Amino acid sequence: MFFESLSNPTLEVIDIRGVSDLAHAVGAFVVVDNVFATPVLQRSADLGADVVVYSATKHIDGQGRALGGVILGTRDFIRGRPGWAVSVALISGGRPLIGTLCAPARGETWQAVAGQGAFRNGQPLSASMRREFAGSRVPAHALPKTDTDLVTVDQPNSIALRIAMVAADEADLVATVRWGFEWDIAAAGMIAREAGAAVSDAYGNKLDYNKRDPRAFGVLVSAPDIHTAAVARLAQRLDTQT
């Protein structure tokens, strides 16, 4: 589905979020021409668009004396791989209340409401309940030498999808040890928590949202019984980095 919002010259405003939800529900991709609004006034990708296009010609000159264009999308989408997703969460008081994760290329919609469980395509989810840290399944192409006691499974590019794998008992552990933004993990983290997983930052502390600084250092999502061991393993890695 392709449309322009704001439209030029009639200035029609299209509900990008609403249209994207409808399109994704039937497996369609959404392409938004954002040239009139510009990224200063409207971030179409944050509203659910899969691809955002710009006429650089208009921004550079506007009189037909220059020619250019820009196409934006996630790396996996541009490369034709299915490991991408669009996610949105409703936050109140620093905590997620509603989370939705849509992966059209995989035909998957993940949803959670606080206190009401988590679902994928309408089916209830139950997170990994692994008790032993050794042998834990981790979505990764390769593991550090310190983690040779773990097992790799398929790794989608989206961190949100990797977190959701723990919610679906398709992985036991997902961890990052770098700065990231809360909007990348809020919905998936809530889905994992509602499915029964343990969710924290890299140090084992709870994640807060809608902070003045929207970043968090690392994310750790795991089966509850291995969470303490995972925090300890990450602490070893962090010690070597510092």
C-alpha atoms as a PDB file:
ATOM      1  CA  MET A   1       0.000   0.000   0.000  1.00  0.00           C
ATOM      2  CA  PHE A   2       1.376   3.396  -1.025  1.00  0.00           C
ATOM      3  CA  PHE A   3       0.125   6.818   0.003  1.00  0.00           C
ATOM      4  CA  GLU A   4       1.263  10.348   0.779  1.00  0.00           C
ATOM      5  CA  SER A   5       0.509  12.099   4.065  1.00  0.00           C
ATOM      6  CA  LEU A   6       0.268  15.067   4.183  1.00  0.00           C
ATOM      7  CA  SER A   7      -0.841  14.981   0.574  1.00  0.00           C
ATOM      8  CA  ASN A   8       0.294  17.621  -1.880  1.00  0.00           C
ATOM      9  CA  PRO A   9      -1.456  19.886  -2.835  1.00  0.00           C
ATOM     10  CA  THR A  10      -4.762  18.997  -1.102  1.00  0.00           C
ATOM     11  CA  LEU A  11      -3.211  18.584   2.389  1.00  0.00           C
ATOM     12  CA  GLU A  12      -5.210  15.463   3.210  1.00  0.00           C
ATOM     13  CA  VAL A  13      -4.123  13.818   6.476  1.00  0.00           C
ATOM     14  CA  ILE A  14      -4.158  10.013   6.450  1.00  0.00           C
ATOM     15  CA  ASP A  15      -4.133   8.002   9.685  1.00  0.00           C
ATOM     16  CA  ILE A  16      -0.808   6.230   9.108  1.00  0.00           C
ATOM     17  CA  ARG A  17      -1.119   4.082  12.245  1.00  0.00           C
ATOM     18  CA  GLY A  18      -4.676   3.007  11.403  1.00  0.00           C
ATOM     19  CA  VAL A  19      -3.926   2.261   7.753  1.00  0.00           C
ATOM     20  CA  SER A  20      -0.724   0.388   8.691  1.00  0.00           C
ATOM     21  CA  ASP A  21      -2.597  -1.795  11.173  1.00  0.00           C
ATOM     22  CA  LEU A  22      -5.190  -2.697   8.535  1.00  0.00           C
ATOM     23  CA  ALA A  23      -2.531  -3.390   5.902  1.00  0.00           C
ATOM     24  CA  HIS A  24      -0.378  -5.519   8.201  1.00  0.00           C
ATOM     25  CA  ALA A  25      -3.434  -7.545   9.244  1.00  0.00           C
ATOM     26  CA  VAL A  26      -3.690  -8.867   5.666  1.00  0.00           C
ATOM     27  CA  GLY A  27       0.063  -9.151   5.103  1.00  0.00           C
ATOM     28  CA  ALA A  28       0.501  -5.982   3.047  1.00  0.00           C
ATOM     29  CA  PHE A  29       3.475  -3.627   3.262  1.00  0.00           C
ATOM     30  CA  VAL A  30       3.023   0.100   3.794  1.00  0.00           C
ATOM     31  CA  VAL A  31       5.025   2.696   1.852  1.00  0.00           C
ATOM     32  CA  VAL A  32       4.580   6.350   2.833  1.00  0.00           C
ATOM     33  CA  ASP A  33       5.704   9.358   0.813  1.00  0.00           C
ATOM     34  CA  ASN A  34       6.737  11.709   3.624  1.00  0.00           C
ATOM     35  CA  VAL A  35       8.237  14.467   1.520  1.00  0.00           C
ATOM     36  CA  PHE A  36       5.654  17.155   2.306  1.00  0.00           C
ATOM     37  CA  ALA A  37       5.590  16.616   6.093  1.00  0.00           C
ATOM     38  CA  THR A  38       9.351  15.976   6.289  1.00  0.00           C
ATOM     39  CA  PRO A  39      10.916  13.945   9.144  1.00  0.00           C
ATOM     40  CA  VAL A  40      10.938  17.116  11.233  1.00  0.00           C
ATOM     41  CA  LEU A  41       7.137  17.071  11.535  1.00  0.00           C
ATOM     42  CA  GLN A  42       6.273  13.403  10.976  1.00  0.00           C
ATOM     43  CA  ARG A  43       8.134  10.128  11.589  1.00  0.00           C
ATOM     44  CA  SER A  44       6.128   7.706   9.480  1.00  0.00           C
ATOM     45  CA  ALA A  45       8.168   4.623  10.445  1.00  0.00           C
ATOM     46  CA  ASP A  46       7.286   5.205  14.106  1.00  0.00           C
ATOM     47  CA  LEU A  47       3.616   5.183  13.081  1.00  0.00           C
ATOM     48  CA  GLY A  48       3.842   1.768  11.406  1.00  0.00           C
ATOM     49  CA  ALA A  49       5.142   2.414   7.884  1.00  0.00           C
ATOM     50  CA  ASP A  50       7.485  -0.275   6.558  1.00  0.00           C
ATOM     51  CA  VAL A  51       9.185   1.975   4.020  1.00  0.00           C
ATOM     52  CA  VAL A  52       9.420   5.782   3.903  1.00  0.00           C
ATOM     53  CA  VAL A  53      10.301   7.558   0.677  1.00  0.00           C
ATOM     54  CA  TYR A  54      11.387  11.140   0.013  1.00  0.00           C
ATOM     55  CA  SER A  55      11.772  13.176  -3.128  1.00  0.00           C
ATOM     56  CA  ALA A  56      15.158  14.725  -2.558  1.00  0.00           C
ATOM     57  CA  THR A  57      14.479  16.749  -5.701  1.00  0.00           C
ATOM     58  CA  LYS A  58      11.889  18.828  -3.836  1.00  0.00           C
ATOM     59  CA  HIS A  59      14.046  19.309  -0.767  1.00  0.00           C
ATOM     60  CA  ILE A  60      17.177  20.193  -2.729  1.00  0.00           C
ATOM     61  CA  ASP A  61      15.645  22.495  -5.300  1.00  0.00           C
ATOM     62  CA  GLY A  62      11.920  22.094  -5.997  1.00  0.00           C
ATOM     63  CA  GLN A  63      12.157  23.537  -9.504  1.00  0.00           C
ATOM     64  CA  GLY A  64      13.203  20.457 -11.479  1.00  0.00           C
ATOM     65  CA  ARG A  65      16.841  21.525 -11.795  1.00  0.00           C
ATOM     66  CA  ALA A  66      18.050  18.687  -9.540  1.00  0.00           C
ATOM     67  CA  LEU A  67      17.025  15.057  -9.263  1.00  0.00           C
ATOM     68  CA  GLY A  68      17.251  12.713  -6.287  1.00  0.00           C
ATOM     69  CA  GLY A  69      15.316  10.409  -3.980  1.00  0.00           C
ATOM     70  CA  VAL A  70      15.620   8.507  -0.728  1.00  0.00           C
ATOM     71  CA  ILE A  71      14.085   5.153   0.293  1.00  0.00           C
ATOM     72  CA  LEU A  72      14.219   4.172   3.962  1.00  0.00           C
ATOM     73  CA  GLY A  73      13.433   0.831   5.603  1.00  0.00           C
ATOM     74  CA  THR A  74      14.833  -1.687   8.087  1.00  0.00           C
ATOM     75  CA  ARG A  75      17.883  -3.641   6.941  1.00  0.00           C
ATOM     76  CA  ASP A  76      16.019  -6.949   6.883  1.00  0.00           C
ATOM     77  CA  PHE A  77      13.091  -5.492   4.935  1.00  0.00           C
ATOM     78  CA  ILE A  78      15.352  -3.917   2.314  1.00  0.00           C
ATOM     79  CA  ARG A  79      17.277  -7.208   1.963  1.00  0.00           C
ATOM     80  CA  GLY A  80      14.087  -9.239   1.633  1.00  0.00           C
ATOM     81  CA  ARG A  81      14.594 -11.092   4.912  1.00  0.00           C
ATOM     82  CA  PRO A  82      11.712 -11.818   7.326  1.00  0.00           C
ATOM     83  CA  GLY A  83      13.445 -10.858  10.586  1.00  0.00           C
ATOM     84  CA  TRP A  84      11.940  -7.368  10.951  1.00  0.00           C
ATOM     85  CA  ALA A  85       9.002  -6.070  12.918  1.00  0.00           C
ATOM     86  CA  VAL A  86       7.089  -2.946  13.900  1.00  0.00           C
ATOM     87  CA  SER A  87       6.260  -2.544  17.584  1.00  0.00           C
ATOM     88  CA  VAL A  88       4.308  -0.076  19.715  1.00  0.00           C
ATOM     89  CA  ALA A  89       3.612   0.124  23.438  1.00  0.00           C
ATOM     90  CA  LEU A  90       1.348   2.249  25.613  1.00  0.00           C
ATOM     91  CA  ILE A  91       3.254   3.477  28.673  1.00  0.00           C
ATOM     92  CA  SER A  92       1.787   4.924  31.873  1.00  0.00           C
ATOM     93  CA  GLY A  93       3.695   5.716  35.044  1.00  0.00           C
ATOM     94  CA  GLY A  94       6.867   4.357  33.484  1.00  0.00           C
ATOM     95  CA  ARG A  95       5.362   0.902  32.874  1.00  0.00           C
ATOM     96  CA  PRO A  96       3.972  -0.681  29.659  1.00  0.00           C
ATOM     97  CA  LEU A  97       0.219  -1.316  29.740  1.00  0.00           C
ATOM     98  CA  ILE A  98      -0.320  -2.537  26.175  1.00  0.00           C
ATOM     99  CA  GLY A  99       2.201  -3.949  23.715  1.00  0.00           C
ATOM    100  CA  THR A 100       1.872  -5.001  20.083  1.00  0.00           C
ATOM    101  CA  LEU A 101       4.526  -6.468  17.809  1.00  0.00           C
ATOM    102  CA  CYS A 102       3.726  -6.961  14.129  1.00  0.00           C
ATOM    103  CA  ALA A 103       5.943  -9.022  11.816  1.00  0.00           C
ATOM    104  CA  PRO A 104       4.114  -9.095   8.441  1.00  0.00           C
ATOM    105  CA  ALA A 105       6.818 -11.053   6.597  1.00  0.00           C
ATOM    106  CA  ARG A 106       6.440 -13.843   9.182  1.00  0.00           C
ATOM    107  CA  GLY A 107       2.638 -13.627   9.349  1.00  0.00           C
ATOM    108  CA  GLU A 108       2.850 -12.914  13.083  1.00  0.00           C
ATOM    109  CA  THR A 109       1.111 -10.478  15.407  1.00  0.00           C
ATOM    110  CA  TRP A 110       2.122 -10.509  19.069  1.00  0.00           C
ATOM    111  CA  GLN A 111      -0.027  -8.770  21.679  1.00  0.00           C
ATOM    112  CA  ALA A 112      -0.156  -8.296  25.434  1.00  0.00           C
ATOM    113  CA  VAL A 113      -2.228  -6.316  27.914  1.00  0.00           C
ATOM    114  CA  ALA A 114      -1.008  -5.888  31.486  1.00  0.00           C
ATOM    115  CA  GLY A 115      -2.374  -8.675  33.660  1.00  0.00           C
ATOM    116  CA  GLN A 116      -4.082 -10.472  30.778  1.00  0.00           C
ATOM    117  CA  GLY A 117      -1.278 -12.606  29.328  1.00  0.00           C
ATOM    118  CA  ALA A 118       0.473 -12.583  25.963  1.00  0.00           C
ATOM    119  CA  PHE A 119      -0.616 -13.939  22.595  1.00  0.00           C
ATOM    120  CA  ARG A 120       0.755 -14.660  19.125  1.00  0.00           C
ATOM    121  CA  ASN A 121      -1.846 -14.726  16.372  1.00  0.00           C
ATOM    122  CA  GLY A 122      -4.469 -15.146  19.078  1.00  0.00           C
ATOM    123  CA  GLN A 123      -2.798 -18.150  20.720  1.00  0.00           C
ATOM    124  CA  PRO A 124      -1.666 -17.804  24.367  1.00  0.00           C
ATOM    125  CA  LEU A 125       2.066 -17.791  25.033  1.00  0.00           C
ATOM    126  CA  SER A 126       4.015 -19.450  27.808  1.00  0.00           C
ATOM    127  CA  ALA A 127       7.627 -18.385  28.181  1.00  0.00           C
ATOM    128  CA  SER A 128      10.623 -20.662  28.575  1.00  0.00           C
ATOM    129  CA  MET A 129      10.793 -22.286  31.998  1.00  0.00           C
ATOM    130  CA  ARG A 130      14.349 -23.609  31.674  1.00  0.00           C
ATOM    131  CA  ARG A 131      16.028 -24.291  35.034  1.00  0.00           C
ATOM    132  CA  GLU A 132      19.656 -24.910  34.016  1.00  0.00           C
ATOM    133  CA  PHE A 133      21.733 -22.086  32.573  1.00  0.00           C
ATOM    134  CA  ALA A 134      24.064 -24.382  30.624  1.00  0.00           C
ATOM    135  CA  GLY A 135      22.466 -25.421  27.364  1.00  0.00           C
ATOM    136  CA  SER A 136      20.205 -22.365  27.191  1.00  0.00           C
ATOM    137  CA  ARG A 137      19.007 -21.452  23.702  1.00  0.00           C
ATOM    138  CA  VAL A 138      20.188 -18.025  22.511  1.00  0.00           C
ATOM    139  CA  PRO A 139      19.171 -16.338  19.216  1.00  0.00           C
ATOM    140  CA  ALA A 140      22.625 -15.673  17.762  1.00  0.00           C
ATOM    141  CA  HIS A 141      24.748 -16.371  14.706  1.00  0.00           C
ATOM    142  CA  ALA A 142      27.745 -17.050  16.944  1.00  0.00           C
ATOM    143  CA  LEU A 143      28.609 -16.886  20.640  1.00  0.00           C
ATOM    144  CA  PRO A 144      31.641 -15.505  22.524  1.00  0.00           C
ATOM    145  CA  LYS A 145      34.152 -18.059  23.806  1.00  0.00           C
ATOM    146  CA  THR A 146      32.861 -17.467  27.340  1.00  0.00           C
ATOM    147  CA  ASP A 147      29.419 -18.708  26.264  1.00  0.00           C
ATOM    148  CA  THR A 148      30.317 -22.036  24.706  1.00  0.00           C
ATOM    149  CA  ASP A 149      27.989 -23.750  27.182  1.00  0.00           C
ATOM    150  CA  LEU A 150      25.026 -22.117  25.445  1.00  0.00           C
ATOM    151  CA  VAL A 151      23.238 -23.179  22.242  1.00  0.00           C
ATOM    152  CA  THR A 152      22.510 -20.945  19.240  1.00  0.00           C
ATOM    153  CA  VAL A 153      19.109 -20.815  17.544  1.00  0.00           C
ATOM    154  CA  ASP A 154      17.858 -18.723  14.617  1.00  0.00           C
ATOM    155  CA  GLN A 155      18.468 -14.988  15.092  1.00  0.00           C
ATOM    156  CA  PRO A 156      16.085 -12.475  13.500  1.00  0.00           C
ATOM    157  CA  ASN A 157      17.610  -9.053  13.090  1.00  0.00           C
ATOM    158  CA  SER A 158      14.922  -7.376  15.209  1.00  0.00           C
ATOM    159  CA  ILE A 159      15.751  -7.324  18.929  1.00  0.00           C
ATOM    160  CA  ALA A 160      12.008  -7.210  19.576  1.00  0.00           C
ATOM    161  CA  LEU A 161      11.509 -10.518  17.742  1.00  0.00           C
ATOM    162  CA  ARG A 162      14.396 -12.098  19.642  1.00  0.00           C
ATOM    163  CA  ILE A 163      12.788 -11.079  22.926  1.00  0.00           C
ATOM    164  CA  ALA A 164       9.461 -12.450  21.715  1.00  0.00           C
ATOM    165  CA  MET A 165      11.138 -15.810  21.065  1.00  0.00           C
ATOM    166  CA  VAL A 166      11.654 -16.186  24.819  1.00  0.00           C
ATOM    167  CA  ALA A 167       7.949 -15.438  25.306  1.00  0.00           C
ATOM    168  CA  ALA A 168       7.116 -18.250  22.867  1.00  0.00           C
ATOM    169  CA  ASP A 169       9.574 -20.753  24.414  1.00  0.00           C
ATOM    170  CA  GLU A 170      11.647 -20.698  21.214  1.00  0.00           C
ATOM    171  CA  ALA A 171      14.646 -19.316  23.116  1.00  0.00           C
ATOM    172  CA  ASP A 172      15.693 -19.286  26.766  1.00  0.00           C
ATOM    173  CA  LEU A 173      17.839 -16.169  26.889  1.00  0.00           C
ATOM    174  CA  VAL A 174      18.305 -12.880  25.035  1.00  0.00           C
ATOM    175  CA  ALA A 175      20.851 -10.304  26.179  1.00  0.00           C
ATOM    176  CA  THR A 176      22.580  -7.186  24.887  1.00  0.00           C
ATOM    177  CA  VAL A 177      25.387  -5.215  26.522  1.00  0.00           C
ATOM    178  CA  ARG A 178      25.153  -1.896  24.720  1.00  0.00           C
ATOM    179  CA  TRP A 179      23.084   1.256  24.892  1.00  0.00           C
ATOM    180  CA  GLY A 180      19.685   1.007  23.221  1.00  0.00           C
ATOM    181  CA  PHE A 181      16.418   2.912  23.048  1.00  0.00           C
ATOM    182  CA  GLU A 182      13.324   2.032  25.056  1.00  0.00           C
ATOM    183  CA  TRP A 183      11.003   2.129  22.057  1.00  0.00           C
ATOM    184  CA  ASP A 184      12.842  -0.839  20.532  1.00  0.00           C
ATOM    185  CA  ILE A 185      12.086  -3.127  23.490  1.00  0.00           C
ATOM    186  CA  ALA A 186       9.038  -1.783  25.371  1.00  0.00           C
ATOM    187  CA  ALA A 187       6.369  -3.821  23.572  1.00  0.00           C
ATOM    188  CA  ALA A 188       8.400  -7.027  23.275  1.00  0.00           C
ATOM    189  CA  GLY A 189       9.561  -6.776  26.890  1.00  0.00           C
ATOM    190  CA  MET A 190       5.967  -6.525  28.057  1.00  0.00           C
ATOM    191  CA  ILE A 191       4.924  -9.477  25.885  1.00  0.00           C
ATOM    192  CA  ALA A 192       7.744 -11.550  27.378  1.00  0.00           C
ATOM    193  CA  ARG A 193       6.863 -10.534  30.938  1.00  0.00           C
ATOM    194  CA  GLU A 194       3.176 -11.324  30.427  1.00  0.00           C
ATOM    195  CA  ALA A 195       4.187 -14.745  29.078  1.00  0.00           C
ATOM    196  CA  GLY A 196       6.142 -15.405  32.290  1.00  0.00           C
ATOM    197  CA  ALA A 197       9.722 -14.394  31.409  1.00  0.00           C
ATOM    198  CA  ALA A 198      12.073 -12.303  33.554  1.00  0.00           C
ATOM    199  CA  VAL A 199      12.903  -8.918  32.009  1.00  0.00           C
ATOM    200  CA  SER A 200      15.595  -6.445  33.134  1.00  0.00           C
ATOM    201  CA  ASP A 201      18.497  -4.326  31.965  1.00  0.00           C
ATOM    202  CA  ALA A 202      21.970  -5.852  31.638  1.00  0.00           C
ATOM    203  CA  TYR A 203      22.598  -5.386  35.367  1.00  0.00           C
ATOM    204  CA  GLY A 204      19.408  -7.139  36.452  1.00  0.00           C
ATOM    205  CA  ASN A 205      17.559  -3.915  37.290  1.00  0.00           C
ATOM    206  CA  LYS A 206      13.984  -3.267  36.224  1.00  0.00           C
ATOM    207  CA  LEU A 207      13.415  -1.262  33.071  1.00  0.00           C
ATOM    208  CA  ASP A 208      11.662   2.091  33.353  1.00  0.00           C
ATOM    209  CA  TYR A 209      10.136   3.892  30.396  1.00  0.00           C
ATOM    210  CA  ASN A 210       9.324   7.456  29.338  1.00  0.00           C
ATOM    211  CA  LYS A 211      12.412   8.711  31.123  1.00  0.00           C
ATOM    212  CA  ARG A 212      14.039  12.008  30.213  1.00  0.00           C
ATOM    213  CA  ASP A 213      16.881   9.917  28.762  1.00  0.00           C
ATOM    214  CA  PRO A 214      15.142   7.208  26.671  1.00  0.00           C
ATOM    215  CA  ARG A 215      18.176   4.917  26.655  1.00  0.00           C
ATOM    216  CA  ALA A 216      18.895   1.811  28.694  1.00  0.00           C
ATOM    217  CA  PHE A 217      22.165  -0.076  28.965  1.00  0.00           C
ATOM    218  CA  GLY A 218      21.436  -3.544  27.705  1.00  0.00           C
ATOM    219  CA  VAL A 219      18.396  -5.754  28.020  1.00  0.00           C
ATOM    220  CA  LEU A 220      18.148  -9.220  29.535  1.00  0.00           C
ATOM    221  CA  VAL A 221      15.137 -11.446  28.952  1.00  0.00           C
ATOM    222  CA  SER A 222      15.210 -15.047  30.119  1.00  0.00           C
ATOM    223  CA  ALA A 223      13.469 -17.929  31.774  1.00  0.00           C
ATOM    224  CA  PRO A 224      12.959 -16.844  35.415  1.00  0.00           C
ATOM    225  CA  ASP A 225      15.095 -19.597  36.957  1.00  0.00           C
ATOM    226  CA  ILE A 226      18.200 -18.734  34.920  1.00  0.00           C
ATOM    227  CA  HIS A 227      17.940 -14.956  35.217  1.00  0.00           C
ATOM    228  CA  THR A 228      20.329 -14.654  38.168  1.00  0.00           C
ATOM    229  CA  ALA A 229      22.927 -16.814  36.404  1.00  0.00           C
ATOM    230  CA  ALA A 230      22.505 -14.743  33.240  1.00  0.00           C
ATOM    231  CA  VAL A 231      23.106 -11.499  35.169  1.00  0.00           C
ATOM    232  CA  ALA A 232      26.269 -13.010  36.641  1.00  0.00           C
ATOM    233  CA  ARG A 233      27.493 -14.083  33.190  1.00  0.00           C
ATOM    234  CA  LEU A 234      26.888 -10.610  31.791  1.00  0.00           C
ATOM    235  CA  ALA A 235      28.704  -9.082  34.762  1.00  0.00           C
ATOM    236  CA  GLN A 236      31.813 -11.069  33.787  1.00  0.00           C
ATOM    237  CA  ARG A 237      31.612  -9.719  30.269  1.00  0.00           C
ATOM    238  CA  LEU A 238      31.089  -6.166  31.471  1.00  0.00           C
ATOM    239  CA  ASP A 239      34.090  -6.468  33.784  1.00  0.00           C
ATOM    240  CA  THR A 240      36.311  -7.451  30.872  1.00  0.00           C
ATOM    241  CA  GLN A 241      35.007  -4.483  28.824  1.00  0.00           C
ATOM    242  CA  THR A 242      35.868  -2.020  31.597  1.00  0.00           C
END
